[in-house]
Every structure is written in C-alpha cells, then in structure tokens.
C-alpha cells in the first residue's frame, strides 16, 4: 500500500508519524524543548515526506510541535 506524500504544511500527518516513532518517549514539555535542528532531521527521515530542508521555516516547526503535543495528549487518554 502506497502512503500519500507528506509535506511541511501537513502538521497533523507529521505529528502522527513522530508519535509513531517516539511514542511516550517525548512528553509535552520535552516536545516543546526539542531543538529545531533535530526536529527538521526527524521530519526529513519520515519515509513518505517529500519536502525539502530549504522549504522549512520556524512557523512550520512551531506548528509541528503543537500538533505533536496534541497527538501525544490524545494518546494519553486511551
């Protein structure tokens, strides 16, 4: 099965992939302390991600962090 492509504005999709990768290893406060250089690298490592490093900006990274926190919170309620 082919996964759809993910790009920088696909914050929720990226957040789900990050949660799948790291699970509860990162809690809310730890997610917000992730260095942007690390976050960029982790996003670029997502197999279905098609964006380029130079297309990334601070706004994208902040939105990804927020979506990742929401994804983490949603999984804590299960």
PDB file of N, CA and C in Angstrom:
ATOM      1  N   UNK A   1       0.838  -1.186   0.000  1.00  0.00           N
ATOM      2  CA  UNK A   1       0.000   0.000   0.000  1.00  0.00           C
ATOM      3  C   UNK A   1       0.879   1.245   0.000  1.00  0.00           C
ATOM      4  N   UNK A   2       0.582   2.163  -0.866  1.00  0.00           N
ATOM      5  CA  UNK A   2       1.366   3.391  -1.003  1.00  0.00           C
ATOM      6  C   UNK A   2       0.821   4.473  -0.076  1.00  0.00           C
ATOM      7  N   UNK A   3       1.707   5.036   0.739  1.00  0.00           N
ATOM      8  CA  UNK A   3       1.285   6.131   1.616  1.00  0.00           C
ATOM      9  C   UNK A   3       1.292   7.434   0.833  1.00  0.00           C
ATOM     10  N   UNK A   4       0.325   8.320   1.115  1.00  0.00           N
ATOM     11  CA  UNK A   4       0.345   9.615   0.449  1.00  0.00           C
ATOM     12  C   UNK A   4       1.554  10.438   0.892  1.00  0.00           C
ATOM     13  N   UNK A   5       2.000  11.300   0.017  1.00  0.00           N
ATOM     14  CA  UNK A   5       3.134  12.168   0.322  1.00  0.00           C
ATOM     15  C   UNK A   5       2.792  13.147   1.431  1.00  0.00           C
ATOM     16  N   UNK A   6       3.793  13.464   2.241  1.00  0.00           N
ATOM     17  CA  UNK A   6       3.651  14.440   3.319  1.00  0.00           C
ATOM     18  C   UNK A   6       4.615  15.589   3.030  1.00  0.00           C
ATOM     19  N   UNK A   7       4.148  16.818   3.262  1.00  0.00           N
ATOM     20  CA  UNK A   7       4.990  17.994   3.057  1.00  0.00           C
ATOM     21  C   UNK A   7       4.911  18.872   4.298  1.00  0.00           C
ATOM     22  N   UNK A   8       5.686  19.935   4.357  1.00  0.00           N
ATOM     23  CA  UNK A   8       5.779  20.784   5.550  1.00  0.00           C
ATOM     24  C   UNK A   8       4.437  21.238   6.120  1.00  0.00           C
ATOM     25  N   UNK A   9       3.461  21.650   5.334  1.00  0.00           N
ATOM     26  CA  UNK A   9       2.200  22.111   5.936  1.00  0.00           C
ATOM     27  C   UNK A   9       1.293  20.992   6.475  1.00  0.00           C
ATOM     28  N   UNK A  10       1.687  19.750   6.313  1.00  0.00           N
ATOM     29  CA  UNK A  10       0.866  18.615   6.775  1.00  0.00           C
ATOM     30  C   UNK A  10       1.179  18.298   8.234  1.00  0.00           C
ATOM     31  N   UNK A  11       0.919  19.275   9.102  1.00  0.00           N
ATOM     32  CA  UNK A  11       1.333  19.205  10.504  1.00  0.00           C
ATOM     33  C   UNK A  11       0.784  17.986  11.230  1.00  0.00           C
ATOM     34  N   UNK A  12      -0.500  17.695  11.057  1.00  0.00           N
ATOM     35  CA  UNK A  12      -1.093  16.564  11.773  1.00  0.00           C
ATOM     36  C   UNK A  12      -0.489  15.241  11.312  1.00  0.00           C
ATOM     37  N   UNK A  13      -0.267  15.103  10.012  1.00  0.00           N
ATOM     38  CA  UNK A  13       0.341  13.874   9.493  1.00  0.00           C
ATOM     39  C   UNK A  13       1.762  13.703  10.030  1.00  0.00           C
ATOM     40  N   UNK A  14       2.512  14.791  10.050  1.00  0.00           N
ATOM     41  CA  UNK A  14       3.873  14.741  10.586  1.00  0.00           C
ATOM     42  C   UNK A  14       3.833  14.378  12.066  1.00  0.00           C
ATOM     43  N   UNK A  15       2.922  14.999  12.804  1.00  0.00           N
ATOM     44  CA  UNK A  15       2.803  14.725  14.239  1.00  0.00           C
ATOM     45  C   UNK A  15       2.490  13.250  14.495  1.00  0.00           C
ATOM     46  N   UNK A  16       1.601  12.675  13.705  1.00  0.00           N
ATOM     47  CA  UNK A  16       1.278  11.259  13.869  1.00  0.00           C
ATOM     48  C   UNK A  16       2.514  10.391  13.617  1.00  0.00           C
ATOM     49  N   UNK A  17       3.277  10.730  12.605  1.00  0.00           N
ATOM     50  CA  UNK A  17       4.487   9.959  12.293  1.00  0.00           C
ATOM     51  C   UNK A  17       5.522  10.094  13.409  1.00  0.00           C
ATOM     52  N   UNK A  18       5.651  11.290  13.970  1.00  0.00           N
ATOM     53  CA  UNK A  18       6.592  11.480  15.072  1.00  0.00           C
ATOM     54  C   UNK A  18       6.140  10.711  16.307  1.00  0.00           C
ATOM     55  N   UNK A  19       4.834  10.711  16.563  1.00  0.00           N
ATOM     56  CA  UNK A  19       4.339   9.946  17.709  1.00  0.00           C
ATOM     57  C   UNK A  19       4.544   8.448  17.479  1.00  0.00           C
ATOM     58  N   UNK A  20       4.309   7.987  16.261  1.00  0.00           N
ATOM     59  CA  UNK A  20       4.557   6.573  15.954  1.00  0.00           C
ATOM     60  C   UNK A  20       6.019   6.218  16.203  1.00  0.00           C
ATOM     61  N   UNK A  21       6.909   7.117  15.864  1.00  0.00           N
ATOM     62  CA  UNK A  21       8.341   6.856  16.016  1.00  0.00           C
ATOM     63  C   UNK A  21       8.786   6.908  17.476  1.00  0.00           C
ATOM     64  N   UNK A  22       8.327   7.928  18.207  1.00  0.00           N
ATOM     65  CA  UNK A  22       8.855   8.156  19.549  1.00  0.00           C
ATOM     66  C   UNK A  22       7.902   7.773  20.677  1.00  0.00           C
ATOM     67  N   UNK A  23       6.616   7.615  20.381  1.00  0.00           N
ATOM     68  CA  UNK A  23       5.643   7.237  21.401  1.00  0.00           C
ATOM     69  C   UNK A  23       5.684   8.153  22.608  1.00  0.00           C
ATOM     70  N   UNK A  24       5.699   7.553  23.783  1.00  0.00           N
ATOM     71  CA  UNK A  24       5.683   8.327  25.015  1.00  0.00           C
ATOM     72  C   UNK A  24       7.085   8.706  25.492  1.00  0.00           C
ATOM     73  N   UNK A  25       8.080   8.462  24.663  1.00  0.00           N
ATOM     74  CA  UNK A  25       9.447   8.874  24.991  1.00  0.00           C
ATOM     75  C   UNK A  25       9.514  10.399  25.159  1.00  0.00           C
ATOM     76  N   UNK A  26       8.666  11.099  24.409  1.00  0.00           N
ATOM     77  CA  UNK A  26       8.594  12.555  24.498  1.00  0.00           C
ATOM     78  C   UNK A  26       7.246  12.943  25.073  1.00  0.00           C
ATOM     79  N   UNK A  27       7.258  13.615  26.235  1.00  0.00           N
ATOM     80  CA  UNK A  27       6.013  14.148  26.779  1.00  0.00           C
ATOM     81  C   UNK A  27       5.866  15.598  26.319  1.00  0.00           C
ATOM     82  N   UNK A  28       4.810  16.252  26.757  1.00  0.00           N
ATOM     83  CA  UNK A  28       4.511  17.606  26.273  1.00  0.00           C
ATOM     84  C   UNK A  28       5.677  18.571  26.459  1.00  0.00           C
ATOM     85  N   UNK A  29       6.230  18.641  27.653  1.00  0.00           N
ATOM     86  CA  UNK A  29       7.306  19.614  27.883  1.00  0.00           C
ATOM     87  C   UNK A  29       8.565  19.255  27.102  1.00  0.00           C
ATOM     88  N   UNK A  30       8.819  17.969  26.937  1.00  0.00           N
ATOM     89  CA  UNK A  30      10.005  17.555  26.177  1.00  0.00           C
ATOM     90  C   UNK A  30       9.839  17.846  24.681  1.00  0.00           C
ATOM     91  N   UNK A  31       8.632  17.710  24.171  1.00  0.00           N
ATOM     92  CA  UNK A  31       8.376  18.031  22.758  1.00  0.00           C
ATOM     93  C   UNK A  31       8.683  19.501  22.496  1.00  0.00           C
ATOM     94  N   UNK A  32       8.255  20.368  23.398  1.00  0.00           N
ATOM     95  CA  UNK A  32       8.486  21.804  23.203  1.00  0.00           C
ATOM     96  C   UNK A  32       9.945  22.200  23.398  1.00  0.00           C
ATOM     97  N   UNK A  33      10.757  21.309  23.956  1.00  0.00           N
ATOM     98  CA  UNK A  33      12.185  21.612  24.130  1.00  0.00           C
ATOM     99  C   UNK A  33      13.064  20.988  23.047  1.00  0.00           C
ATOM    100  N   UNK A  34      12.454  20.293  22.094  1.00  0.00           N
ATOM    101  CA  UNK A  34      13.228  19.697  21.000  1.00  0.00           C
ATOM    102  C   UNK A  34      13.874  20.813  20.183  1.00  0.00           C
ATOM    103  N   UNK A  35      15.158  20.649  19.913  1.00  0.00           N
ATOM    104  CA  UNK A  35      15.851  21.633  19.063  1.00  0.00           C
ATOM    105  C   UNK A  35      15.294  21.543  17.647  1.00  0.00           C
ATOM    106  N   UNK A  36      15.136  22.690  17.022  1.00  0.00           N
ATOM    107  CA  UNK A  36      14.594  22.716  15.661  1.00  0.00           C
ATOM    108  C   UNK A  36      15.491  21.945  14.690  1.00  0.00           C
ATOM    109  N   UNK A  37      16.800  21.964  14.911  1.00  0.00           N
ATOM    110  CA  UNK A  37      17.685  21.205  14.014  1.00  0.00           C
ATOM    111  C   UNK A  37      17.369  19.714  14.086  1.00  0.00           C
ATOM    112  N   UNK A  38      17.081  19.210  15.295  1.00  0.00           N
ATOM    113  CA  UNK A  38      16.711  17.802  15.437  1.00  0.00           C
ATOM    114  C   UNK A  38      15.348  17.533  14.806  1.00  0.00           C
ATOM    115  N   UNK A  39      14.400  18.429  15.058  1.00  0.00           N
ATOM    116  CA  UNK A  39      13.052  18.252  14.526  1.00  0.00           C
ATOM    117  C   UNK A  39      13.066  18.218  13.003  1.00  0.00           C
ATOM    118  N   UNK A  40      13.819  19.111  12.390  1.00  0.00           N
ATOM    119  CA  UNK A  40      13.927  19.121  10.920  1.00  0.00           C
ATOM    120  C   UNK A  40      14.439  17.761  10.439  1.00  0.00           C
ATOM    121  N   UNK A  41      15.488  17.254  11.065  1.00  0.00           N
ATOM    122  CA  UNK A  41      16.069  15.986  10.643  1.00  0.00           C
ATOM    123  C   UNK A  41      15.070  14.846  10.781  1.00  0.00           C
ATOM    124  N   UNK A  42      14.342  14.806  11.894  1.00  0.00           N
ATOM    125  CA  UNK A  42      13.360  13.735  12.112  1.00  0.00           C
ATOM    126  C   UNK A  42      12.253  13.787  11.074  1.00  0.00           C
ATOM    127  N   UNK A  43      11.817  14.999  10.722  1.00  0.00           N
ATOM    128  CA  UNK A  43      10.769  15.137   9.704  1.00  0.00           C
ATOM    129  C   UNK A  43      11.297  14.656   8.358  1.00  0.00           C
ATOM    130  N   UNK A  44      12.517  15.063   8.020  1.00  0.00           N
ATOM    131  CA  UNK A  44      13.097  14.648   6.744  1.00  0.00           C
ATOM    132  C   UNK A  44      13.281  13.132   6.658  1.00  0.00           C
ATOM    133  N   UNK A  45      13.380  12.444   7.794  1.00  0.00           N
ATOM    134  CA  UNK A  45      13.553  10.988   7.825  1.00  0.00           C
ATOM    135  C   UNK A  45      12.242  10.215   7.678  1.00  0.00           C
ATOM    136  N   UNK A  46      11.105  10.900   7.712  1.00  0.00           N
ATOM    137  CA  UNK A  46       9.816  10.216   7.529  1.00  0.00           C
ATOM    138  C   UNK A  46       9.776   9.690   6.088  1.00  0.00           C
ATOM    139  N   UNK A  47       9.553   8.382   5.916  1.00  0.00           N
ATOM    140  CA  UNK A  47       9.642   7.793   4.567  1.00  0.00           C
ATOM    141  C   UNK A  47       8.770   8.464   3.502  1.00  0.00           C
ATOM    142  N   UNK A  48       7.564   8.884   3.856  1.00  0.00           N
ATOM    143  CA  UNK A  48       6.669   9.467   2.849  1.00  0.00           C
ATOM    144  C   UNK A  48       6.799  10.989   2.749  1.00  0.00           C
ATOM    145  N   UNK A  49       7.783  11.562   3.453  1.00  0.00           N
ATOM    146  CA  UNK A  49       7.954  13.016   3.425  1.00  0.00           C
ATOM    147  C   UNK A  49       8.682  13.435   2.147  1.00  0.00           C
ATOM    148  N   UNK A  50       8.124  14.434   1.453  1.00  0.00           N
ATOM    149  CA  UNK A  50       8.692  14.866   0.172  1.00  0.00           C
ATOM    150  C   UNK A  50       9.239  16.298   0.208  1.00  0.00           C
ATOM    151  N   UNK A  51       9.065  17.005   1.317  1.00  0.00           N
ATOM    152  CA  UNK A  51       9.535  18.384   1.415  1.00  0.00           C
ATOM    153  C   UNK A  51      11.048  18.467   1.432  1.00  0.00           C
ATOM    154  N   UNK A  52      11.541  19.652   1.200  1.00  0.00           N
ATOM    155  CA  UNK A  52      12.976  19.916   1.196  1.00  0.00           C
ATOM    156  C   UNK A  52      13.343  20.748   2.419  1.00  0.00           C
ATOM    157  N   UNK A  53      14.549  20.553   2.925  1.00  0.00           N
ATOM    158  CA  UNK A  53      15.034  21.279   4.097  1.00  0.00           C
ATOM    159  C   UNK A  53      14.885  22.798   3.902  1.00  0.00           C
ATOM    160  N   UNK A  54      15.224  23.278   2.721  1.00  0.00           N
ATOM    161  CA  UNK A  54      15.199  24.726   2.475  1.00  0.00           C
ATOM    162  C   UNK A  54      13.776  25.303   2.417  1.00  0.00           C
ATOM    163  N   UNK A  55      12.754  24.464   2.327  1.00  0.00           N
ATOM    164  CA  UNK A  55      11.362  24.921   2.333  1.00  0.00           C
ATOM    165  C   UNK A  55      10.816  25.088   3.750  1.00  0.00           C
ATOM    166  N   UNK A  56      11.571  24.610   4.723  1.00  0.00           N
ATOM    167  CA  UNK A  56      11.137  24.662   6.116  1.00  0.00           C
ATOM    168  C   UNK A  56      11.324  26.065   6.684  1.00  0.00           C
ATOM    169  N   UNK A  57      10.447  26.453   7.617  1.00  0.00           N
ATOM    170  CA  UNK A  57      10.633  27.704   8.334  1.00  0.00           C
ATOM    171  C   UNK A  57      10.190  27.528   9.781  1.00  0.00           C
ATOM    172  N   UNK A  58      10.456  28.520  10.594  1.00  0.00           N
ATOM    173  CA  UNK A  58      10.146  28.442  12.016  1.00  0.00           C
ATOM    174  C   UNK A  58       8.660  28.211  12.272  1.00  0.00           C
ATOM    175  N   UNK A  59       7.818  28.832  11.465  1.00  0.00           N
ATOM    176  CA  UNK A  59       6.377  28.650  11.613  1.00  0.00           C
ATOM    177  C   UNK A  59       5.955  27.201  11.428  1.00  0.00           C
ATOM    178  N   UNK A  60       6.531  26.540  10.420  1.00  0.00           N
ATOM    179  CA  UNK A  60       6.233  25.120  10.210  1.00  0.00           C
ATOM    180  C   UNK A  60       6.635  24.305  11.437  1.00  0.00           C
ATOM    181  N   UNK A  61       7.813  24.569  11.963  1.00  0.00           N
ATOM    182  CA  UNK A  61       8.320  23.785  13.086  1.00  0.00           C
ATOM    183  C   UNK A  61       7.477  23.998  14.337  1.00  0.00           C
ATOM    184  N   UNK A  62       7.050  25.223  14.567  1.00  0.00           N
ATOM    185  CA  UNK A  62       6.190  25.503  15.718  1.00  0.00           C
ATOM    186  C   UNK A  62       4.848  24.785  15.587  1.00  0.00           C
ATOM    187  N   UNK A  63       4.287  24.789  14.385  1.00  0.00           N
ATOM    188  CA  UNK A  63       3.017  24.104  14.147  1.00  0.00           C
ATOM    189  C   UNK A  63       3.171  22.590  14.306  1.00  0.00           C
ATOM    190  N   UNK A  64       4.299  22.060  13.863  1.00  0.00           N
ATOM    191  CA  UNK A  64       4.554  20.625  14.012  1.00  0.00           C
ATOM    192  C   UNK A  64       4.652  20.272  15.491  1.00  0.00           C
ATOM    193  N   UNK A  65       5.362  21.085  16.258  1.00  0.00           N
ATOM    194  CA  UNK A  65       5.464  20.829  17.700  1.00  0.00           C
ATOM    195  C   UNK A  65       4.077  20.836  18.348  1.00  0.00           C
ATOM    196  N   UNK A  66       3.273  21.818  18.032  1.00  0.00           N
ATOM    197  CA  UNK A  66       1.925  21.898  18.620  1.00  0.00           C
ATOM    198  C   UNK A  66       1.087  20.685  18.243  1.00  0.00           C
ATOM    199  N   UNK A  67       1.133  20.305  16.981  1.00  0.00           N
ATOM    200  CA  UNK A  67       0.361  19.137  16.538  1.00  0.00           C
ATOM    201  C   UNK A  67       0.863  17.871  17.208  1.00  0.00           C
ATOM    202  N   UNK A  68       2.172  17.768  17.417  1.00  0.00           N
ATOM    203  CA  UNK A  68       2.756  16.609  18.072  1.00  0.00           C
ATOM    204  C   UNK A  68       2.279  16.535  19.523  1.00  0.00           C
ATOM    205  N   UNK A  69       2.207  17.688  20.211  1.00  0.00           N
ATOM    206  CA  UNK A  69       1.692  17.728  21.582  1.00  0.00           C
ATOM    207  C   UNK A  69       0.236  17.261  21.609  1.00  0.00           C
ATOM    208  N   UNK A  70      -0.589  17.743  20.682  1.00  0.00           N
ATOM    209  CA  UNK A  70      -1.987  17.312  20.624  1.00  0.00           C
ATOM    210  C   UNK A  70      -2.086  15.809  20.373  1.00  0.00           C
ATOM    211  N   UNK A  71      -1.242  15.298  19.505  1.00  0.00           N
ATOM    212  CA  UNK A  71      -1.226  13.856  19.225  1.00  0.00           C
ATOM    213  C   UNK A  71      -0.820  13.089  20.489  1.00  0.00           C
ATOM    214  N   UNK A  72       0.190  13.567  21.190  1.00  0.00           N
ATOM    215  CA  UNK A  72       0.639  12.922  22.424  1.00  0.00           C
ATOM    216  C   UNK A  72      -0.503  12.926  23.452  1.00  0.00           C
ATOM    217  N   UNK A  73      -1.144  14.086  23.625  1.00  0.00           N
ATOM    218  CA  UNK A  73      -2.257  14.196  24.584  1.00  0.00           C
ATOM    219  C   UNK A  73      -3.389  13.231  24.234  1.00  0.00           C
ATOM    220  N   UNK A  74      -3.728  13.158  22.960  1.00  0.00           N
ATOM    221  CA  UNK A  74      -4.832  12.281  22.526  1.00  0.00           C
ATOM    222  C   UNK A  74      -4.522  10.824  22.858  1.00  0.00           C
ATOM    223  N   UNK A  75      -3.275  10.446  22.750  1.00  0.00           N
ATOM    224  CA  UNK A  75      -2.880   9.075  23.038  1.00  0.00           C
ATOM    225  C   UNK A  75      -2.774   8.787  24.531  1.00  0.00           C
ATOM    226  N   UNK A  76      -2.718   9.808  25.364  1.00  0.00           N
ATOM    227  CA  UNK A  76      -2.674   9.613  26.816  1.00  0.00           C
ATOM    228  C   UNK A  76      -4.058   9.272  27.364  1.00  0.00           C
ATOM    229  N   UNK A  77      -5.090   9.632  26.633  1.00  0.00           N
ATOM    230  CA  UNK A  77      -6.463   9.413  27.082  1.00  0.00           C
ATOM    231  C   UNK A  77      -6.968   8.016  26.758  1.00  0.00           C
ATOM    232  N   UNK A  78      -6.188   7.249  26.014  1.00  0.00           N
ATOM    233  CA  UNK A  78      -6.627   5.920  25.579  1.00  0.00           C
ATOM    234  C   UNK A  78      -6.340   4.888  26.629  1.00  0.00           C
TER     235      UNK A  78
END
